Amino acid sequence: MTVDKRLRFGMRIGAGAATAFGLAVLVGAALVVDLPHYSADASQTTVTPEAADQLRTCPGSVLEVGKDAAAATALTPVGSPKVVASDDEGISVDPSWLKAPDVNSDEHGPATLTLPTEASSDTMSGSQSQSVGTDTLAGFAAAECQETSSGAWLVAGSTDIGRTSLVMLNNPSGVDATVDIAVTGENGPIDSPNGLGIVVEAGTQKVVSLAGIAPNTITPVVHVTSTGADIQSWVQQSSIRGLVPAGIEMAGRGADPSESTTIPGVQIYSGQPETSTQEYDDRRPALRVFSPSGKPTHVSATITDESGKDVSTMEVDITKGAVGEYPLGDLPSGRYSIHVDASQPVVAAARTSVSEDKAGDFSWFASAAELETPFVVDAASGPGRSLVLHNASDTKATVEIGTESVTIDTRASYTYPLEGPVTVTPDAGVLAVVSYAGGNSVSSFTITAPKPASEPIDVSVR
């Protein structure tokens, strides 16, 4: 090593030693000298979110596809539905209207119902009903006017031959919504880009043909999800046998996936086809069920009559990732509830029809969530309009229906003829469905729980 190199090496060693010595002095001083200490204690404050108006919309007019031969996919309204709405003080709620740019009409779109936050009442209810009779559409359909949600399970519809299903998407908010429609059928999930990224503009209704997403699907289950804004959704299903129109229905959302769910108030009518053959016939009473878990699922479905007595039980296994539909058997005419217990969370609904002839109407009965607080029922006019309350629990429930007080036994149902709006006050959770039946006209809709009110929350501020 040369003199210069030894000199540079020595200098580096010396500089390193000096640096290390300086750091040691600083650390020692820090240990001896008291440094300033700063801290901030978390303070807690209570924040009450600003209350929002209660908002419900109805599905709107029954729509006919391709009425004009020159426009095979054009949508045309067939008449107008009867809309009713009132609050828990019995005061009518006046509607406003959505725009319906997909519909070939100068008329307004679906009704929007608003209960302002400053109103003295706590909740409201609304519904619509409509009878139609054309060369291609015939039947009676009723539906609840729903509150918005970011997701909905619609267990209904078909795109089989002679069946038409439309997904109605309503956005009453002031913000555009982006919606995905995922469909699963008897052969499993259906991969279609047509159901993704559907924009529903603020204050409008968007109508999507289910056949464009899931063609030739006998037993679809539809899962609607939205971002940007919450929406409402329904499936309009119609049927035609040969040249004879054979029913129509507006099916709303059911309960979210659960290992235990109940379909209340299922009406079985006389004259329905018997289950003596294995051939599929969608006029037969049937249970449609699907597990979104993607796992094989065992289902036990117990059918009870209005008194709560077990009538029959079905044990079935759903194929992994597919929708199953199973005949309910040859039940006598009457009203039943179906209690579904499954090894995985499921969604379910039941379908019945009014008669075995080609022109018979049909109805979908959705699964229901428990209603534990007072709620209003305002059902639009229709044949045999009735409120069915079902007690799915293992203890009796007492319910006030207007000025009437009734006790409902476990697993039993109570039917209340409707003549106008009524407030229902249960002392425990009950399920509720409005049912219509008369002549060749049938329909139903489940009463859904109102969104919970905004409650104060504690926020820690640092």
Protein backbone atom coordinates (compact mmCIF):
# COMPACT_ATOMS: atom_id res chain seq x y z
CA MET A 1 0.00 0.00 0.00
CA THR A 2 1.41 3.45 -0.96
CA VAL A 3 1.76 6.35 1.44
CA ASP A 4 -1.20 8.19 -0.12
CA LYS A 5 -3.47 5.16 0.15
CA ARG A 6 -2.49 4.56 3.78
CA LEU A 7 -3.17 8.22 4.52
CA ARG A 8 -6.68 8.13 2.91
CA PHE A 9 -7.54 4.89 4.69
CA GLY A 10 -6.48 6.33 8.04
CA MET A 11 -8.55 9.44 7.48
CA ARG A 12 -11.70 7.33 6.73
CA ILE A 13 -11.14 5.31 9.88
CA GLY A 14 -10.70 8.48 11.90
CA ALA A 15 -13.82 10.10 10.46
CA GLY A 16 -15.89 7.00 11.21
CA ALA A 17 -14.66 6.88 14.78
CA ALA A 18 -15.44 10.57 15.28
CA THR A 19 -18.97 10.08 13.93
CA ALA A 20 -19.61 7.12 16.20
CA PHE A 21 -18.29 9.07 19.20
CA GLY A 22 -20.62 12.03 18.35
CA LEU A 23 -23.67 9.79 18.13
CA ALA A 24 -22.83 8.18 21.45
CA VAL A 25 -22.61 11.63 23.09
CA LEU A 26 -26.01 12.63 21.67
CA VAL A 27 -27.71 9.43 22.83
CA GLY A 28 -26.22 9.83 26.29
CA ALA A 29 -27.42 13.42 26.48
CA ALA A 30 -30.92 12.36 25.44
CA LEU A 31 -31.00 9.89 28.28
CA VAL A 32 -29.93 12.51 30.82
CA VAL A 33 -31.80 15.61 29.62
CA ASP A 34 -35.63 15.77 29.89
CA LEU A 35 -37.03 16.41 26.41
CA PRO A 36 -40.42 18.13 25.85
CA HIS A 37 -43.35 15.65 25.71
CA TYR A 38 -46.47 16.22 23.66
CA SER A 39 -49.70 14.12 23.66
CA ALA A 40 -53.31 14.47 22.58
CA ASP A 41 -56.13 12.69 24.35
CA ALA A 42 -58.93 11.29 22.14
CA SER A 43 -62.16 13.14 22.77
CA GLN A 44 -65.54 11.58 22.01
CA THR A 45 -68.53 13.35 20.54
CA THR A 46 -71.98 12.18 19.52
CA VAL A 47 -73.03 12.81 15.92
CA THR A 48 -76.62 12.48 14.70
CA PRO A 49 -76.79 11.85 10.94
CA GLU A 50 -79.16 14.10 9.06
CA ALA A 51 -82.44 12.27 8.47
CA ALA A 52 -83.41 11.56 4.87
CA ASP A 53 -86.86 11.51 3.29
CA GLN A 54 -88.49 8.11 3.02
CA LEU A 55 -88.61 7.22 -0.64
CA ARG A 56 -90.48 4.44 -2.43
CA THR A 57 -91.18 3.78 -6.10
CA CYS A 58 -93.54 1.44 -7.92
CA PRO A 59 -92.60 -0.73 -10.92
CA GLY A 60 -94.90 1.14 -13.30
CA SER A 61 -97.12 -0.01 -16.16
CA VAL A 62 -97.18 -3.53 -17.53
CA LEU A 63 -94.98 -3.46 -20.63
CA GLU A 64 -95.42 -5.26 -23.93
CA VAL A 65 -92.38 -6.18 -26.03
CA GLY A 66 -92.48 -5.77 -29.80
CA LYS A 67 -96.05 -4.52 -30.14
CA ASP A 68 -94.90 -2.68 -33.26
CA ALA A 69 -93.76 -5.30 -35.80
CA ALA A 70 -91.20 -2.83 -37.14
CA ALA A 71 -89.49 -2.61 -33.71
CA ALA A 72 -89.17 -6.09 -32.25
CA THR A 73 -87.54 -4.95 -29.00
CA ALA A 74 -89.54 -1.76 -28.38
CA LEU A 75 -91.39 -1.52 -25.05
CA THR A 76 -94.96 -0.22 -24.97
CA PRO A 77 -97.07 0.32 -21.82
CA VAL A 78 -100.38 -1.53 -21.66
CA GLY A 79 -102.68 0.87 -19.79
CA SER A 80 -101.82 2.36 -16.41
CA PRO A 81 -101.71 0.77 -12.95
CA LYS A 82 -103.82 1.86 -10.00
CA VAL A 83 -101.46 3.37 -7.40
CA VAL A 84 -102.31 3.94 -3.72
CA ALA A 85 -100.14 5.22 -0.88
CA SER A 86 -100.67 6.47 2.67
CA ASP A 87 -98.78 7.07 5.88
CA ASP A 88 -99.36 5.66 9.37
CA GLU A 89 -101.85 8.43 10.09
CA GLY A 90 -104.03 7.35 7.17
CA ILE A 91 -103.13 10.39 5.06
CA SER A 92 -102.67 9.78 1.34
CA VAL A 93 -99.22 10.34 -0.14
CA ASP A 94 -99.29 12.03 -3.55
CA PRO A 95 -96.93 10.58 -6.16
CA SER A 96 -94.44 12.21 -8.45
CA TRP A 97 -93.18 10.39 -11.54
CA LEU A 98 -89.96 8.94 -12.90
CA LYS A 99 -88.97 9.32 -16.53
CA ALA A 100 -89.01 6.15 -18.62
CA PRO A 101 -86.80 6.76 -21.67
CA ASP A 102 -86.84 3.05 -22.66
CA VAL A 103 -90.62 3.02 -23.04
CA ASN A 104 -92.35 4.05 -26.24
CA SER A 105 -94.91 6.39 -24.71
CA ASP A 106 -95.60 10.02 -23.99
CA GLU A 107 -97.08 9.06 -20.63
CA HIS A 108 -95.19 9.41 -17.33
CA GLY A 109 -93.12 6.60 -15.88
CA PRO A 110 -93.43 4.80 -12.51
CA ALA A 111 -94.80 6.54 -9.43
CA THR A 112 -92.42 7.87 -6.79
CA LEU A 113 -93.67 8.28 -3.22
CA THR A 114 -91.93 10.62 -0.77
CA LEU A 115 -92.51 11.00 2.98
CA PRO A 116 -90.61 14.14 4.04
CA THR A 117 -88.55 14.09 7.22
CA GLU A 118 -90.62 16.96 8.62
CA ALA A 119 -93.84 14.94 8.34
CA SER A 120 -95.52 14.02 11.61
CA SER A 121 -95.92 10.38 10.55
CA ASP A 122 -93.18 7.76 10.90
CA THR A 123 -93.65 5.49 7.90
CA MET A 124 -95.72 4.89 4.79
CA SER A 125 -96.82 2.19 2.39
CA GLY A 126 -97.66 2.11 -1.28
CA SER A 127 -98.60 -0.41 -3.95
CA GLN A 128 -99.99 -0.74 -7.45
CA SER A 129 -102.27 -3.18 -9.28
CA GLN A 130 -103.24 -3.65 -12.89
CA SER A 131 -105.40 -5.95 -15.01
CA VAL A 132 -104.49 -6.38 -18.68
CA GLY A 133 -106.14 -8.19 -21.53
CA THR A 134 -104.71 -8.04 -25.05
CA ASP A 135 -103.98 -10.59 -27.75
CA THR A 136 -100.55 -11.25 -26.20
CA LEU A 137 -100.86 -10.24 -22.53
CA ALA A 138 -103.58 -11.16 -20.04
CA GLY A 139 -103.76 -11.40 -16.29
CA PHE A 140 -103.57 -9.43 -13.06
CA ALA A 141 -100.40 -8.12 -11.42
CA ALA A 142 -99.86 -6.28 -8.12
CA ALA A 143 -96.65 -5.06 -6.54
CA GLU A 144 -95.39 -3.23 -3.48
CA CYS A 145 -93.79 0.16 -3.99
CA GLN A 146 -90.37 -0.48 -2.51
CA GLU A 147 -87.68 1.45 -0.73
CA THR A 148 -84.30 1.60 -2.41
CA SER A 149 -81.52 -0.89 -1.75
CA SER A 150 -78.03 -1.61 -3.05
CA GLY A 151 -78.88 -5.25 -3.75
CA ALA A 152 -81.90 -7.47 -4.37
CA TRP A 153 -82.58 -11.15 -4.99
CA LEU A 154 -85.39 -11.76 -7.49
CA VAL A 155 -86.45 -15.41 -7.51
CA ALA A 156 -88.84 -15.36 -10.45
CA GLY A 157 -89.09 -15.23 -14.21
CA SER A 158 -88.33 -17.43 -17.20
CA THR A 159 -87.01 -17.00 -20.74
CA ASP A 160 -88.19 -20.40 -21.91
CA ILE A 161 -90.33 -20.64 -25.05
CA GLY A 162 -93.50 -18.58 -24.61
CA ARG A 163 -92.13 -16.80 -21.52
CA THR A 164 -91.01 -13.15 -21.43
CA SER A 165 -89.22 -11.57 -18.47
CA LEU A 166 -88.14 -7.97 -18.03
CA VAL A 167 -85.99 -6.57 -15.21
CA MET A 168 -87.25 -3.15 -14.16
CA LEU A 169 -84.66 -0.89 -12.53
CA ASN A 170 -85.84 2.34 -10.88
CA ASN A 171 -83.51 5.09 -9.69
CA PRO A 172 -85.44 7.83 -7.87
CA SER A 173 -82.29 9.51 -6.54
CA GLY A 174 -80.44 12.51 -7.91
CA VAL A 175 -77.33 10.44 -8.72
CA ASP A 176 -76.75 7.99 -11.57
CA ALA A 177 -76.51 4.31 -10.58
CA THR A 178 -74.38 1.61 -12.17
CA VAL A 179 -76.10 -1.77 -11.99
CA ASP A 180 -74.95 -5.36 -12.47
CA ILE A 181 -77.48 -8.13 -13.13
CA ALA A 182 -76.13 -11.61 -12.36
CA VAL A 183 -78.32 -14.54 -13.42
CA THR A 184 -78.11 -18.20 -12.44
CA GLY A 185 -80.26 -20.88 -14.03
CA GLU A 186 -80.90 -24.60 -13.93
CA ASN A 187 -77.47 -25.22 -15.49
CA GLY A 188 -75.52 -22.84 -13.27
CA PRO A 189 -74.25 -19.23 -13.50
CA ILE A 190 -74.73 -17.48 -16.85
CA ASP A 191 -71.73 -15.52 -18.07
CA SER A 192 -73.03 -12.51 -19.99
CA PRO A 193 -71.49 -9.05 -20.37
CA ASN A 194 -74.96 -7.70 -21.19
CA GLY A 195 -75.77 -7.66 -17.48
CA LEU A 196 -72.75 -5.63 -16.40
CA GLY A 197 -72.28 -1.89 -16.02
CA ILE A 198 -75.86 -0.88 -16.80
CA VAL A 199 -76.27 2.85 -16.19
CA VAL A 200 -79.60 3.91 -14.69
CA GLU A 201 -79.70 7.68 -14.85
CA ALA A 202 -80.97 9.75 -11.94
CA GLY A 203 -84.75 10.02 -11.83
CA THR A 204 -85.37 7.36 -14.48
CA GLN A 205 -86.43 3.78 -15.04
CA LYS A 206 -84.28 1.38 -17.06
CA VAL A 207 -85.85 -1.83 -18.43
CA VAL A 208 -83.64 -4.78 -19.38
CA SER A 209 -84.81 -7.90 -21.20
CA LEU A 210 -83.76 -10.97 -19.22
CA ALA A 211 -83.52 -12.90 -22.50
CA GLY A 212 -80.64 -10.63 -23.51
CA ILE A 213 -78.68 -11.86 -20.48
CA ALA A 214 -79.98 -15.40 -19.96
CA PRO A 215 -81.73 -16.75 -23.09
CA ASN A 216 -83.64 -20.05 -22.95
CA THR A 217 -83.39 -20.25 -19.16
CA ILE A 218 -86.29 -22.04 -17.50
CA THR A 219 -85.66 -21.22 -13.83
CA PRO A 220 -83.58 -18.05 -13.43
CA VAL A 221 -82.62 -16.39 -10.17
CA VAL A 222 -81.63 -12.74 -10.60
CA HIS A 223 -79.22 -10.87 -8.33
CA VAL A 224 -79.24 -7.09 -8.83
CA THR A 225 -76.49 -4.92 -7.30
CA SER A 226 -75.94 -1.19 -7.72
CA THR A 227 -73.23 1.37 -6.99
CA GLY A 228 -73.44 5.15 -7.04
CA ALA A 229 -77.07 5.10 -5.83
CA ASP A 230 -79.51 2.62 -4.34
CA ILE A 231 -82.32 1.48 -6.63
CA GLN A 232 -85.47 -0.68 -6.74
CA SER A 233 -85.98 -3.70 -9.00
CA TRP A 234 -88.69 -6.14 -10.11
CA VAL A 235 -89.13 -8.91 -12.65
CA GLN A 236 -92.16 -8.62 -14.94
CA GLN A 237 -92.94 -12.12 -16.21
CA SER A 238 -95.60 -12.97 -18.77
CA SER A 239 -96.60 -16.24 -20.38
CA ILE A 240 -98.29 -17.28 -23.61
CA ARG A 241 -99.32 -20.83 -24.56
CA GLY A 242 -99.61 -21.17 -28.30
CA LEU A 243 -101.69 -18.12 -29.14
CA VAL A 244 -103.35 -17.80 -25.73
CA PRO A 245 -101.91 -15.31 -23.18
CA ALA A 246 -101.54 -17.12 -19.86
CA GLY A 247 -100.81 -14.74 -17.01
CA ILE A 248 -98.57 -11.93 -15.86
CA GLU A 249 -96.82 -11.01 -12.62
CA MET A 250 -94.63 -8.28 -11.12
CA ALA A 251 -92.27 -10.09 -8.76
CA GLY A 252 -90.40 -8.06 -6.16
CA ARG A 253 -87.39 -8.85 -4.03
CA GLY A 254 -87.37 -11.51 -1.36
CA ALA A 255 -85.34 -12.06 1.79
CA ASP A 256 -81.55 -12.13 1.57
CA PRO A 257 -79.74 -15.51 1.53
CA SER A 258 -80.15 -17.41 4.80
CA GLU A 259 -79.93 -20.96 6.09
CA SER A 260 -83.51 -20.56 7.31
CA THR A 261 -86.17 -18.67 5.37
CA THR A 262 -89.97 -18.69 5.09
CA ILE A 263 -92.38 -18.06 2.21
CA PRO A 264 -95.70 -17.02 3.81
CA GLY A 265 -99.25 -17.07 2.47
CA VAL A 266 -98.74 -19.34 -0.56
CA GLN A 267 -102.17 -19.73 -2.15
CA ILE A 268 -102.97 -23.07 -3.78
CA TYR A 269 -105.94 -22.91 -6.18
CA SER A 270 -108.24 -25.66 -7.39
CA GLY A 271 -107.84 -27.08 -10.89
CA GLN A 272 -104.05 -26.99 -11.10
CA PRO A 273 -102.24 -29.75 -12.99
CA GLU A 274 -101.42 -32.82 -10.92
CA THR A 275 -97.84 -33.98 -10.54
CA SER A 276 -98.50 -37.39 -12.07
CA THR A 277 -95.81 -37.07 -14.74
CA GLN A 278 -92.15 -36.03 -14.72
CA GLU A 279 -92.64 -33.54 -17.55
CA TYR A 280 -91.96 -29.95 -16.50
CA ASP A 281 -95.06 -27.77 -16.36
CA ASP A 282 -94.80 -24.24 -14.94
CA ARG A 283 -98.52 -24.21 -14.10
CA ARG A 284 -97.85 -26.63 -11.24
CA PRO A 285 -97.21 -25.24 -7.76
CA ALA A 286 -93.44 -25.29 -7.28
CA LEU A 287 -90.63 -24.18 -5.01
CA ARG A 288 -87.64 -22.46 -6.64
CA VAL A 289 -84.49 -22.36 -4.53
CA PHE A 290 -80.84 -21.39 -5.05
CA SER A 291 -77.71 -21.30 -2.90
CA PRO A 292 -75.24 -18.55 -3.90
CA SER A 293 -72.53 -20.26 -1.82
CA GLY A 294 -71.49 -22.34 -4.82
CA LYS A 295 -71.54 -25.48 -2.68
CA PRO A 296 -73.84 -28.53 -2.86
CA THR A 297 -76.79 -27.75 -0.59
CA HIS A 298 -79.31 -29.94 1.17
CA VAL A 299 -82.73 -28.36 1.61
CA SER A 300 -85.58 -29.39 3.88
CA ALA A 301 -88.85 -27.61 3.08
CA THR A 302 -91.76 -28.00 5.51
CA ILE A 303 -95.22 -26.93 4.33
CA THR A 304 -97.68 -25.83 7.04
CA ASP A 305 -101.33 -24.90 6.76
CA GLU A 306 -102.96 -21.79 8.26
CA SER A 307 -103.30 -23.45 11.67
CA GLY A 308 -99.56 -24.18 11.79
CA LYS A 309 -99.95 -27.92 11.21
CA ASP A 310 -97.27 -29.65 9.13
CA VAL A 311 -98.78 -30.85 5.86
CA SER A 312 -95.74 -32.25 4.06
CA THR A 313 -91.94 -32.08 3.96
CA MET A 314 -89.60 -32.14 0.96
CA GLU A 315 -85.96 -33.20 1.20
CA VAL A 316 -83.95 -32.16 -1.86
CA ASP A 317 -80.33 -31.61 -2.83
CA ILE A 318 -79.45 -28.61 -4.99
CA THR A 319 -76.70 -29.13 -7.53
CA LYS A 320 -73.60 -27.03 -6.88
CA GLY A 321 -74.07 -23.54 -8.37
CA ALA A 322 -77.44 -24.28 -10.01
CA VAL A 323 -81.08 -23.36 -9.39
CA GLY A 324 -83.49 -26.09 -8.36
CA GLU A 325 -87.25 -26.08 -8.86
CA TYR A 326 -89.41 -28.73 -7.21
CA PRO A 327 -93.17 -29.50 -7.38
CA LEU A 328 -95.01 -28.85 -4.14
CA GLY A 329 -97.12 -31.97 -4.60
CA ASP A 330 -100.87 -32.31 -4.97
CA LEU A 331 -101.90 -29.99 -2.14
CA PRO A 332 -105.60 -29.29 -1.57
CA SER A 333 -106.68 -25.74 -2.36
CA GLY A 334 -105.93 -23.42 0.54
CA ARG A 335 -103.27 -21.17 2.02
CA TYR A 336 -99.90 -22.48 3.18
CA SER A 337 -96.48 -21.31 4.33
CA ILE A 338 -93.19 -22.95 3.34
CA HIS A 339 -90.36 -23.09 5.89
CA VAL A 340 -87.00 -23.74 4.24
CA ASP A 341 -83.97 -24.96 6.20
CA ALA A 342 -80.73 -25.50 4.29
CA SER A 343 -77.14 -26.53 4.87
CA GLN A 344 -76.00 -23.32 3.08
CA PRO A 345 -77.66 -19.89 2.79
CA VAL A 346 -80.39 -19.93 0.14
CA VAL A 347 -82.94 -17.69 -1.56
CA ALA A 348 -86.36 -19.10 -2.39
CA ALA A 349 -89.83 -18.37 -3.79
CA ALA A 350 -92.95 -20.31 -4.73
CA ARG A 351 -95.06 -20.11 -7.88
CA THR A 352 -98.70 -21.14 -8.20
CA SER A 353 -101.34 -20.79 -10.92
CA VAL A 354 -105.09 -20.34 -10.88
CA SER A 355 -106.21 -23.14 -13.20
CA GLU A 356 -105.03 -25.80 -15.60
CA ASP A 357 -106.48 -24.27 -18.74
CA LYS A 358 -104.23 -22.31 -21.08
CA ALA A 359 -105.51 -18.90 -19.96
CA GLY A 360 -104.84 -19.34 -16.23
CA ASP A 361 -103.05 -16.53 -14.38
CA PHE A 362 -100.08 -17.22 -12.08
CA SER A 363 -98.48 -15.70 -9.00
CA TRP A 364 -95.04 -15.59 -7.37
CA PHE A 365 -94.75 -15.66 -3.56
CA ALA A 366 -91.42 -14.33 -2.26
CA SER A 367 -89.66 -15.21 0.97
CA ALA A 368 -90.16 -12.58 3.66
CA ALA A 369 -88.12 -10.88 6.36
CA GLU A 370 -89.49 -10.37 9.86
CA LEU A 371 -91.33 -7.13 10.66
CA GLU A 372 -90.82 -6.20 14.32
CA THR A 373 -91.97 -2.57 14.39
CA PRO A 374 -95.28 -1.01 13.34
CA PHE A 375 -95.84 -0.94 9.58
CA VAL A 376 -98.50 0.30 7.19
CA VAL A 377 -100.25 -1.77 4.54
CA ASP A 378 -101.96 0.09 1.70
CA ALA A 379 -102.89 -2.42 -0.99
CA ALA A 380 -104.21 -1.32 -4.36
CA SER A 381 -107.61 -2.64 -5.36
CA GLY A 382 -108.01 -6.15 -6.73
CA PRO A 383 -109.99 -9.39 -6.36
CA GLY A 384 -109.96 -11.00 -2.90
CA ARG A 385 -107.50 -8.45 -1.52
CA SER A 386 -106.21 -9.83 1.82
CA LEU A 387 -103.35 -9.34 4.26
CA VAL A 388 -101.77 -12.59 5.48
CA LEU A 389 -99.71 -12.41 8.68
CA HIS A 390 -97.53 -15.40 9.53
CA ASN A 391 -95.81 -16.23 12.81
CA ALA A 392 -92.65 -18.18 11.92
CA SER A 393 -91.39 -18.30 15.52
CA ASP A 394 -91.79 -20.96 18.21
CA THR A 395 -93.90 -18.72 20.47
CA LYS A 396 -97.27 -17.03 20.05
CA ALA A 397 -97.42 -13.49 18.69
CA THR A 398 -100.02 -10.80 19.38
CA VAL A 399 -100.70 -8.35 16.59
CA GLU A 400 -102.86 -5.22 16.45
CA ILE A 401 -104.38 -4.69 12.99
CA GLY A 402 -106.00 -1.31 13.08
CA THR A 403 -108.39 -1.57 16.04
CA GLU A 404 -108.39 -5.38 16.04
CA SER A 405 -106.07 -7.47 18.23
CA VAL A 406 -105.29 -11.08 17.30
CA THR A 407 -103.04 -13.79 18.66
CA ILE A 408 -101.27 -15.98 16.10
CA ASP A 409 -100.06 -19.42 17.17
CA THR A 410 -96.59 -20.64 16.35
CA ARG A 411 -96.13 -21.46 12.65
CA ALA A 412 -99.71 -20.32 12.03
CA SER A 413 -101.16 -17.58 9.80
CA TYR A 414 -103.97 -15.06 10.10
CA THR A 415 -105.85 -13.63 7.11
CA TYR A 416 -107.31 -10.12 7.32
CA PRO A 417 -109.58 -8.85 4.48
CA LEU A 418 -108.39 -5.45 3.33
CA GLU A 419 -110.75 -2.58 2.65
CA GLY A 420 -108.24 0.27 2.87
CA PRO A 421 -104.96 1.23 4.51
CA VAL A 422 -104.24 -0.26 7.92
CA THR A 423 -101.44 0.00 10.48
CA VAL A 424 -100.11 -3.25 11.91
CA THR A 425 -98.36 -3.35 15.29
CA PRO A 426 -96.79 -6.70 16.29
CA ASP A 427 -95.37 -7.53 19.73
CA ALA A 428 -92.89 -9.90 18.05
CA GLY A 429 -91.57 -10.46 14.57
CA VAL A 430 -94.14 -11.49 11.93
CA LEU A 431 -94.08 -12.01 8.17
CA ALA A 432 -96.61 -10.27 5.93
CA VAL A 433 -97.88 -10.76 2.40
CA VAL A 434 -100.76 -9.25 0.43
CA SER A 435 -102.65 -11.81 -1.63
CA TYR A 436 -105.21 -11.41 -4.44
CA ALA A 437 -107.45 -14.12 -5.85
CA GLY A 438 -110.70 -14.06 -7.79
CA GLY A 439 -111.85 -15.65 -11.02
CA ASN A 440 -108.82 -16.05 -13.29
CA SER A 441 -106.88 -13.28 -11.51
CA VAL A 442 -104.17 -13.94 -8.92
CA SER A 443 -101.16 -12.05 -7.58
CA SER A 444 -99.24 -11.33 -4.38
CA PHE A 445 -96.49 -9.19 -2.93
CA THR A 446 -94.44 -9.38 0.25
CA ILE A 447 -94.40 -6.47 2.69
CA THR A 448 -90.79 -5.38 3.15
CA ALA A 449 -89.45 -3.66 6.23
CA PRO A 450 -88.77 0.09 6.03
CA LYS A 451 -85.17 1.17 6.27
CA PRO A 452 -84.05 1.83 9.85
CA ALA A 453 -83.99 5.46 10.91
CA SER A 454 -80.65 7.18 11.37
CA GLU A 455 -79.43 6.82 14.95
CA PRO A 456 -76.81 8.88 16.85
CA ILE A 457 -73.27 7.47 16.73
CA ASP A 458 -70.23 8.15 18.92
CA VAL A 459 -67.17 9.45 17.07
CA SER A 460 -63.66 9.68 18.59
CA VAL A 461 -61.76 12.80 17.50
CA ARG A 462 -57.95 12.89 17.81
